[in-house]
Amino acid sequence: MPHLGKILVFAGIILIIAGLVVYFTGDRPGWIGNLPGDIRIEKENAKFYFPLTTMIIISIVLSVILWIVRKLF
């Protein structure tokens, strides 16, 4: 468990960054869920929403972060 300290420091940095993003952008940044490619169908009695582009971007960002973490440790 010699790497536990590094992991905790890195997790703390990620939490600080996430907290700053939420603090400065409000509860939700305006672009999340409103990107081109996000599917939104609204009818009189039904709504369907599938944030395809948003999910792809979040997946890419998380993959890059995990790749960096693996390279550091």
PDB file of N, CA and C in Angstrom:
ATOM      1  N   MET A   1       0.805  -1.195   0.000  1.00  0.00           N
ATOM      2  CA  MET A   1       0.000   0.000   0.000  1.00  0.00           C
ATOM      3  C   MET A   1       0.856   1.271   0.000  1.00  0.00           C
ATOM      4  N   PRO A   2       2.044   1.242  -0.577  1.00  0.00           N
ATOM      5  CA  PRO A   2       2.858   2.459  -0.573  1.00  0.00           C
ATOM      6  C   PRO A   2       2.315   3.546  -1.496  1.00  0.00           C
ATOM      7  N   HIS A   3       1.459   3.185  -2.428  1.00  0.00           N
ATOM      8  CA  HIS A   3       0.919   4.165  -3.368  1.00  0.00           C
ATOM      9  C   HIS A   3      -0.388   4.788  -2.878  1.00  0.00           C
ATOM     10  N   LEU A   4      -0.843   4.387  -1.718  1.00  0.00           N
ATOM     11  CA  LEU A   4      -2.124   4.879  -1.212  1.00  0.00           C
ATOM     12  C   LEU A   4      -2.112   6.391  -1.036  1.00  0.00           C
ATOM     13  N   GLY A   5      -1.005   6.936  -0.572  1.00  0.00           N
ATOM     14  CA  GLY A   5      -0.905   8.388  -0.394  1.00  0.00           C
ATOM     15  C   GLY A   5      -1.043   9.126  -1.716  1.00  0.00           C
ATOM     16  N   LYS A   6      -0.395   8.620  -2.762  1.00  0.00           N
ATOM     17  CA  LYS A   6      -0.485   9.247  -4.086  1.00  0.00           C
ATOM     18  C   LYS A   6      -1.909   9.177  -4.623  1.00  0.00           C
ATOM     19  N   ILE A   7      -2.549   8.047  -4.418  1.00  0.00           N
ATOM     20  CA  ILE A   7      -3.920   7.878  -4.899  1.00  0.00           C
ATOM     21  C   ILE A   7      -4.858   8.849  -4.184  1.00  0.00           C
ATOM     22  N   LEU A   8      -4.683   8.996  -2.864  1.00  0.00           N
ATOM     23  CA  LEU A   8      -5.534   9.914  -2.109  1.00  0.00           C
ATOM     24  C   LEU A   8      -5.305  11.369  -2.523  1.00  0.00           C
ATOM     25  N   VAL A   9      -4.061  11.742  -2.770  1.00  0.00           N
ATOM     26  CA  VAL A   9      -3.769  13.103  -3.220  1.00  0.00           C
ATOM     27  C   VAL A   9      -4.399  13.344  -4.584  1.00  0.00           C
ATOM     28  N   PHE A  10      -4.256  12.400  -5.500  1.00  0.00           N
ATOM     29  CA  PHE A  10      -4.837  12.549  -6.833  1.00  0.00           C
ATOM     30  C   PHE A  10      -6.357  12.623  -6.759  1.00  0.00           C
ATOM     31  N   ALA A  11      -6.972  11.776  -5.926  1.00  0.00           N
ATOM     32  CA  ALA A  11      -8.431  11.811  -5.771  1.00  0.00           C
ATOM     33  C   ALA A  11      -8.872  13.152  -5.195  1.00  0.00           C
ATOM     34  N   GLY A  12      -8.096  13.693  -4.266  1.00  0.00           N
ATOM     35  CA  GLY A  12      -8.417  15.001  -3.700  1.00  0.00           C
ATOM     36  C   GLY A  12      -8.349  16.106  -4.740  1.00  0.00           C
ATOM     37  N   ILE A  13      -7.336  16.056  -5.592  1.00  0.00           N
ATOM     38  CA  ILE A  13      -7.211  17.054  -6.657  1.00  0.00           C
ATOM     39  C   ILE A  13      -8.396  16.979  -7.605  1.00  0.00           C
ATOM     40  N   ILE A  14      -8.807  15.778  -7.968  1.00  0.00           N
ATOM     41  CA  ILE A  14      -9.961  15.596  -8.860  1.00  0.00           C
ATOM     42  C   ILE A  14     -11.221  16.156  -8.194  1.00  0.00           C
ATOM     43  N   LEU A  15     -11.404  15.888  -6.910  1.00  0.00           N
ATOM     44  CA  LEU A  15     -12.581  16.404  -6.205  1.00  0.00           C
ATOM     45  C   LEU A  15     -12.565  17.927  -6.120  1.00  0.00           C
ATOM     46  N   ILE A  16     -11.398  18.514  -5.920  1.00  0.00           N
ATOM     47  CA  ILE A  16     -11.299  19.976  -5.879  1.00  0.00           C
ATOM     48  C   ILE A  16     -11.665  20.569  -7.231  1.00  0.00           C
ATOM     49  N   ILE A  17     -11.148  19.981  -8.304  1.00  0.00           N
ATOM     50  CA  ILE A  17     -11.470  20.476  -9.645  1.00  0.00           C
ATOM     51  C   ILE A  17     -12.962  20.346  -9.921  1.00  0.00           C
ATOM     52  N   ALA A  18     -13.543  19.202  -9.579  1.00  0.00           N
ATOM     53  CA  ALA A  18     -14.980  19.007  -9.790  1.00  0.00           C
ATOM     54  C   ALA A  18     -15.785  20.011  -8.963  1.00  0.00           C
ATOM     55  N   GLY A  19     -15.361  20.254  -7.732  1.00  0.00           N
ATOM     56  CA  GLY A  19     -16.048  21.226  -6.886  1.00  0.00           C
ATOM     57  C   GLY A  19     -15.984  22.636  -7.454  1.00  0.00           C
ATOM     58  N   LEU A  20     -14.830  23.017  -7.993  1.00  0.00           N
ATOM     59  CA  LEU A  20     -14.701  24.336  -8.605  1.00  0.00           C
ATOM     60  C   LEU A  20     -15.583  24.476  -9.845  1.00  0.00           C
ATOM     61  N   VAL A  21     -15.669  23.424 -10.628  1.00  0.00           N
ATOM     62  CA  VAL A  21     -16.528  23.465 -11.814  1.00  0.00           C
ATOM     63  C   VAL A  21     -17.975  23.649 -11.399  1.00  0.00           C
ATOM     64  N   VAL A  22     -18.433  22.896 -10.412  1.00  0.00           N
ATOM     65  CA  VAL A  22     -19.815  23.024  -9.947  1.00  0.00           C
ATOM     66  C   VAL A  22     -20.049  24.393  -9.316  1.00  0.00           C
ATOM     67  N   TYR A  23     -19.076  24.893  -8.558  1.00  0.00           N
ATOM     68  CA  TYR A  23     -19.227  26.183  -7.889  1.00  0.00           C
ATOM     69  C   TYR A  23     -19.362  27.324  -8.894  1.00  0.00           C
ATOM     70  N   PHE A  24     -18.524  27.321  -9.933  1.00  0.00           N
ATOM     71  CA  PHE A  24     -18.524  28.432 -10.867  1.00  0.00           C
ATOM     72  C   PHE A  24     -19.557  28.308 -11.986  1.00  0.00           C
ATOM     73  N   THR A  25     -20.055  27.110 -12.239  1.00  0.00           N
ATOM     74  CA  THR A  25     -21.027  26.946 -13.318  1.00  0.00           C
ATOM     75  C   THR A  25     -22.440  26.700 -12.805  1.00  0.00           C
ATOM     76  N   GLY A  26     -22.627  26.640 -11.526  1.00  0.00           N
ATOM     77  CA  GLY A  26     -23.948  26.349 -10.988  1.00  0.00           C
ATOM     78  C   GLY A  26     -24.139  24.849 -10.862  1.00  0.00           C
ATOM     79  N   ASP A  27     -25.367  24.438 -10.768  1.00  0.00           N
ATOM     80  CA  ASP A  27     -25.642  23.009 -10.615  1.00  0.00           C
ATOM     81  C   ASP A  27     -25.279  22.210 -11.854  1.00  0.00           C
ATOM     82  N   ARG A  28     -25.356  22.854 -13.012  1.00  0.00           N
ATOM     83  CA  ARG A  28     -25.108  22.127 -14.250  1.00  0.00           C
ATOM     84  C   ARG A  28     -24.617  23.111 -15.298  1.00  0.00           C
ATOM     85  N   PRO A  29     -23.476  22.825 -15.897  1.00  0.00           N
ATOM     86  CA  PRO A  29     -23.040  23.695 -16.996  1.00  0.00           C
ATOM     87  C   PRO A  29     -24.072  23.689 -18.126  1.00  0.00           C
ATOM     88  N   GLY A  30     -24.264  24.822 -18.778  1.00  0.00           N
ATOM     89  CA  GLY A  30     -25.312  24.957 -19.783  1.00  0.00           C
ATOM     90  C   GLY A  30     -25.142  24.100 -21.016  1.00  0.00           C
ATOM     91  N   TRP A  31     -23.890  23.718 -21.337  1.00  0.00           N
ATOM     92  CA  TRP A  31     -23.687  22.956 -22.563  1.00  0.00           C
ATOM     93  C   TRP A  31     -23.958  21.475 -22.380  1.00  0.00           C
ATOM     94  N   ILE A  32     -23.949  20.984 -21.145  1.00  0.00           N
ATOM     95  CA  ILE A  32     -24.189  19.554 -20.932  1.00  0.00           C
ATOM     96  C   ILE A  32     -25.645  19.244 -21.244  1.00  0.00           C
ATOM     97  N   GLY A  33     -25.848  18.349 -22.173  1.00  0.00           N
ATOM     98  CA  GLY A  33     -27.193  17.964 -22.561  1.00  0.00           C
ATOM     99  C   GLY A  33     -27.788  18.803 -23.666  1.00  0.00           C
ATOM    100  N   ASN A  34     -27.083  19.828 -24.116  1.00  0.00           N
ATOM    101  CA  ASN A  34     -27.598  20.676 -25.188  1.00  0.00           C
ATOM    102  C   ASN A  34     -26.655  20.711 -26.386  1.00  0.00           C
ATOM    103  N   LEU A  35     -25.889  19.666 -26.574  1.00  0.00           N
ATOM    104  CA  LEU A  35     -24.946  19.614 -27.677  1.00  0.00           C
ATOM    105  C   LEU A  35     -25.626  19.092 -28.939  1.00  0.00           C
ATOM    106  N   PRO A  36     -25.080  19.446 -30.108  1.00  0.00           N
ATOM    107  CA  PRO A  36     -25.600  18.842 -31.338  1.00  0.00           C
ATOM    108  C   PRO A  36     -25.361  17.331 -31.283  1.00  0.00           C
ATOM    109  N   GLY A  37     -26.337  16.574 -31.604  1.00  0.00           N
ATOM    110  CA  GLY A  37     -26.236  15.122 -31.537  1.00  0.00           C
ATOM    111  C   GLY A  37     -26.985  14.537 -30.354  1.00  0.00           C
ATOM    112  N   ASP A  38     -27.342  15.358 -29.389  1.00  0.00           N
ATOM    113  CA  ASP A  38     -28.188  14.895 -28.290  1.00  0.00           C
ATOM    114  C   ASP A  38     -29.611  14.790 -28.821  1.00  0.00           C
ATOM    115  N   ILE A  39     -30.223  13.638 -28.609  1.00  0.00           N
ATOM    116  CA  ILE A  39     -31.544  13.374 -29.173  1.00  0.00           C
ATOM    117  C   ILE A  39     -32.614  13.821 -28.181  1.00  0.00           C
ATOM    118  N   ARG A  40     -33.507  14.670 -28.652  1.00  0.00           N
ATOM    119  CA  ARG A  40     -34.599  15.172 -27.817  1.00  0.00           C
ATOM    120  C   ARG A  40     -35.878  15.153 -28.656  1.00  0.00           C
ATOM    121  N   ILE A  41     -36.852  14.367 -28.211  1.00  0.00           N
ATOM    122  CA  ILE A  41     -38.145  14.293 -28.888  1.00  0.00           C
ATOM    123  C   ILE A  41     -39.212  14.679 -27.883  1.00  0.00           C
ATOM    124  N   GLU A  42     -39.971  15.710 -28.214  1.00  0.00           N
ATOM    125  CA  GLU A  42     -41.044  16.157 -27.321  1.00  0.00           C
ATOM    126  C   GLU A  42     -42.362  16.151 -28.081  1.00  0.00           C
ATOM    127  N   LYS A  43     -43.289  15.361 -27.593  1.00  0.00           N
ATOM    128  CA  LYS A  43     -44.641  15.303 -28.142  1.00  0.00           C
ATOM    129  C   LYS A  43     -45.589  15.901 -27.117  1.00  0.00           C
ATOM    130  N   GLU A  44     -46.846  15.912 -27.440  1.00  0.00           N
ATOM    131  CA  GLU A  44     -47.833  16.489 -26.525  1.00  0.00           C
ATOM    132  C   GLU A  44     -47.875  15.757 -25.187  1.00  0.00           C
ATOM    133  N   ASN A  45     -47.818  14.433 -25.218  1.00  0.00           N
ATOM    134  CA  ASN A  45     -47.978  13.672 -23.988  1.00  0.00           C
ATOM    135  C   ASN A  45     -46.752  12.846 -23.604  1.00  0.00           C
ATOM    136  N   ALA A  46     -45.633  13.029 -24.301  1.00  0.00           N
ATOM    137  CA  ALA A  46     -44.446  12.235 -23.995  1.00  0.00           C
ATOM    138  C   ALA A  46     -43.181  13.017 -24.341  1.00  0.00           C
ATOM    139  N   LYS A  47     -42.148  12.733 -23.577  1.00  0.00           N
ATOM    140  CA  LYS A  47     -40.844  13.328 -23.841  1.00  0.00           C
ATOM    141  C   LYS A  47     -39.797  12.223 -23.831  1.00  0.00           C
ATOM    142  N   PHE A  48     -38.846  12.315 -24.751  1.00  0.00           N
ATOM    143  CA  PHE A  48     -37.743  11.363 -24.816  1.00  0.00           C
ATOM    144  C   PHE A  48     -36.463  12.155 -24.980  1.00  0.00           C
ATOM    145  N   TYR A  49     -35.470  11.834 -24.153  1.00  0.00           N
ATOM    146  CA  TYR A  49     -34.204  12.550 -24.199  1.00  0.00           C
ATOM    147  C   TYR A  49     -33.070  11.548 -24.083  1.00  0.00           C
ATOM    148  N   PHE A  50     -32.136  11.587 -25.026  1.00  0.00           N
ATOM    149  CA  PHE A  50     -30.981  10.700 -25.025  1.00  0.00           C
ATOM    150  C   PHE A  50     -29.740  11.520 -25.361  1.00  0.00           C
ATOM    151  N   PRO A  51     -28.906  11.863 -24.357  1.00  0.00           N
ATOM    152  CA  PRO A  51     -27.745  12.735 -24.577  1.00  0.00           C
ATOM    153  C   PRO A  51     -26.552  11.976 -25.174  1.00  0.00           C
ATOM    154  N   LEU A  52     -26.657  11.591 -26.422  1.00  0.00           N
ATOM    155  CA  LEU A  52     -25.644  10.765 -27.073  1.00  0.00           C
ATOM    156  C   LEU A  52     -24.286  11.458 -27.135  1.00  0.00           C
ATOM    157  N   THR A  53     -24.232  12.673 -27.661  1.00  0.00           N
ATOM    158  CA  THR A  53     -22.969  13.395 -27.795  1.00  0.00           C
ATOM    159  C   THR A  53     -22.362  13.695 -26.429  1.00  0.00           C
ATOM    160  N   THR A  54     -23.171  14.085 -25.488  1.00  0.00           N
ATOM    161  CA  THR A  54     -22.677  14.375 -24.139  1.00  0.00           C
ATOM    162  C   THR A  54     -22.042  13.137 -23.522  1.00  0.00           C
ATOM    163  N   MET A  55     -22.667  11.975 -23.686  1.00  0.00           N
ATOM    164  CA  MET A  55     -22.118  10.741 -23.131  1.00  0.00           C
ATOM    165  C   MET A  55     -20.801  10.373 -23.801  1.00  0.00           C
ATOM    166  N   ILE A  56     -20.689  10.595 -25.103  1.00  0.00           N
ATOM    167  CA  ILE A  56     -19.438  10.297 -25.807  1.00  0.00           C
ATOM    168  C   ILE A  56     -18.309  11.194 -25.305  1.00  0.00           C
ATOM    169  N   ILE A  57     -18.583  12.484 -25.133  1.00  0.00           N
ATOM    170  CA  ILE A  57     -17.563  13.418 -24.649  1.00  0.00           C
ATOM    171  C   ILE A  57     -17.144  13.070 -23.220  1.00  0.00           C
ATOM    172  N   ILE A  58     -18.087  12.758 -22.357  1.00  0.00           N
ATOM    173  CA  ILE A  58     -17.753  12.379 -20.987  1.00  0.00           C
ATOM    174  C   ILE A  58     -16.929  11.100 -20.974  1.00  0.00           C
ATOM    175  N   SER A  59     -17.263  10.151 -21.835  1.00  0.00           N
ATOM    176  CA  SER A  59     -16.503   8.908 -21.928  1.00  0.00           C
ATOM    177  C   SER A  59     -15.070   9.164 -22.368  1.00  0.00           C
ATOM    178  N   ILE A  60     -14.882  10.041 -23.346  1.00  0.00           N
ATOM    179  CA  ILE A  60     -13.529  10.360 -23.823  1.00  0.00           C
ATOM    180  C   ILE A  60     -12.727  11.041 -22.718  1.00  0.00           C
ATOM    181  N   VAL A  61     -13.329  12.001 -22.021  1.00  0.00           N
ATOM    182  CA  VAL A  61     -12.623  12.714 -20.948  1.00  0.00           C
ATOM    183  C   VAL A  61     -12.228  11.745 -19.830  1.00  0.00           C
ATOM    184  N   LEU A  62     -13.141  10.871 -19.411  1.00  0.00           N
ATOM    185  CA  LEU A  62     -12.818   9.909 -18.361  1.00  0.00           C
ATOM    186  C   LEU A  62     -11.758   8.916 -18.813  1.00  0.00           C
ATOM    187  N   SER A  63     -11.778   8.513 -20.077  1.00  0.00           N
ATOM    188  CA  SER A  63     -10.757   7.603 -20.597  1.00  0.00           C
ATOM    189  C   SER A  63      -9.385   8.256 -20.575  1.00  0.00           C
ATOM    190  N   VAL A  64      -9.304   9.523 -20.951  1.00  0.00           N
ATOM    191  CA  VAL A  64      -8.028  10.240 -20.923  1.00  0.00           C
ATOM    192  C   VAL A  64      -7.528  10.383 -19.486  1.00  0.00           C
ATOM    193  N   ILE A  65      -8.419  10.707 -18.561  1.00  0.00           N
ATOM    194  CA  ILE A  65      -8.021  10.841 -17.158  1.00  0.00           C
ATOM    195  C   ILE A  65      -7.494   9.514 -16.618  1.00  0.00           C
ATOM    196  N   LEU A  66      -8.197   8.426 -16.906  1.00  0.00           N
ATOM    197  CA  LEU A  66      -7.743   7.124 -16.434  1.00  0.00           C
ATOM    198  C   LEU A  66      -6.426   6.716 -17.088  1.00  0.00           C
ATOM    199  N   TRP A  67      -6.219   7.066 -18.351  1.00  0.00           N
ATOM    200  CA  TRP A  67      -4.957   6.780 -19.037  1.00  0.00           C
ATOM    201  C   TRP A  67      -3.808   7.521 -18.357  1.00  0.00           C
ATOM    202  N   ILE A  68      -4.051   8.790 -18.000  1.00  0.00           N
ATOM    203  CA  ILE A  68      -3.026   9.584 -17.319  1.00  0.00           C
ATOM    204  C   ILE A  68      -2.714   8.987 -15.940  1.00  0.00           C
ATOM    205  N   VAL A  69      -3.748   8.577 -15.217  1.00  0.00           N
ATOM    206  CA  VAL A  69      -3.539   7.975 -13.895  1.00  0.00           C
ATOM    207  C   VAL A  69      -2.705   6.708 -14.005  1.00  0.00           C
ATOM    208  N   ARG A  70      -2.986   5.876 -14.995  1.00  0.00           N
ATOM    209  CA  ARG A  70      -2.213   4.645 -15.179  1.00  0.00           C
ATOM    210  C   ARG A  70      -0.766   4.939 -15.529  1.00  0.00           C
ATOM    211  N   LYS A  71      -0.527   5.968 -16.313  1.00  0.00           N
ATOM    212  CA  LYS A  71       0.845   6.328 -16.666  1.00  0.00           C
ATOM    213  C   LYS A  71       1.610   6.878 -15.462  1.00  0.00           C
ATOM    214  N   LEU A  72       0.922   7.600 -14.561  1.00  0.00           N
ATOM    215  CA  LEU A  72       1.581   8.153 -13.378  1.00  0.00           C
ATOM    216  C   LEU A  72       1.907   7.085 -12.350  1.00  0.00           C
ATOM    217  N   PHE A  73       1.079   6.073 -12.244  1.00  0.00           N
ATOM    218  CA  PHE A  73       1.302   5.039 -11.246  1.00  0.00           C
ATOM    219  C   PHE A  73       1.740   3.780 -11.931  1.00  0.00           C
TER     220      PHE A  73
END
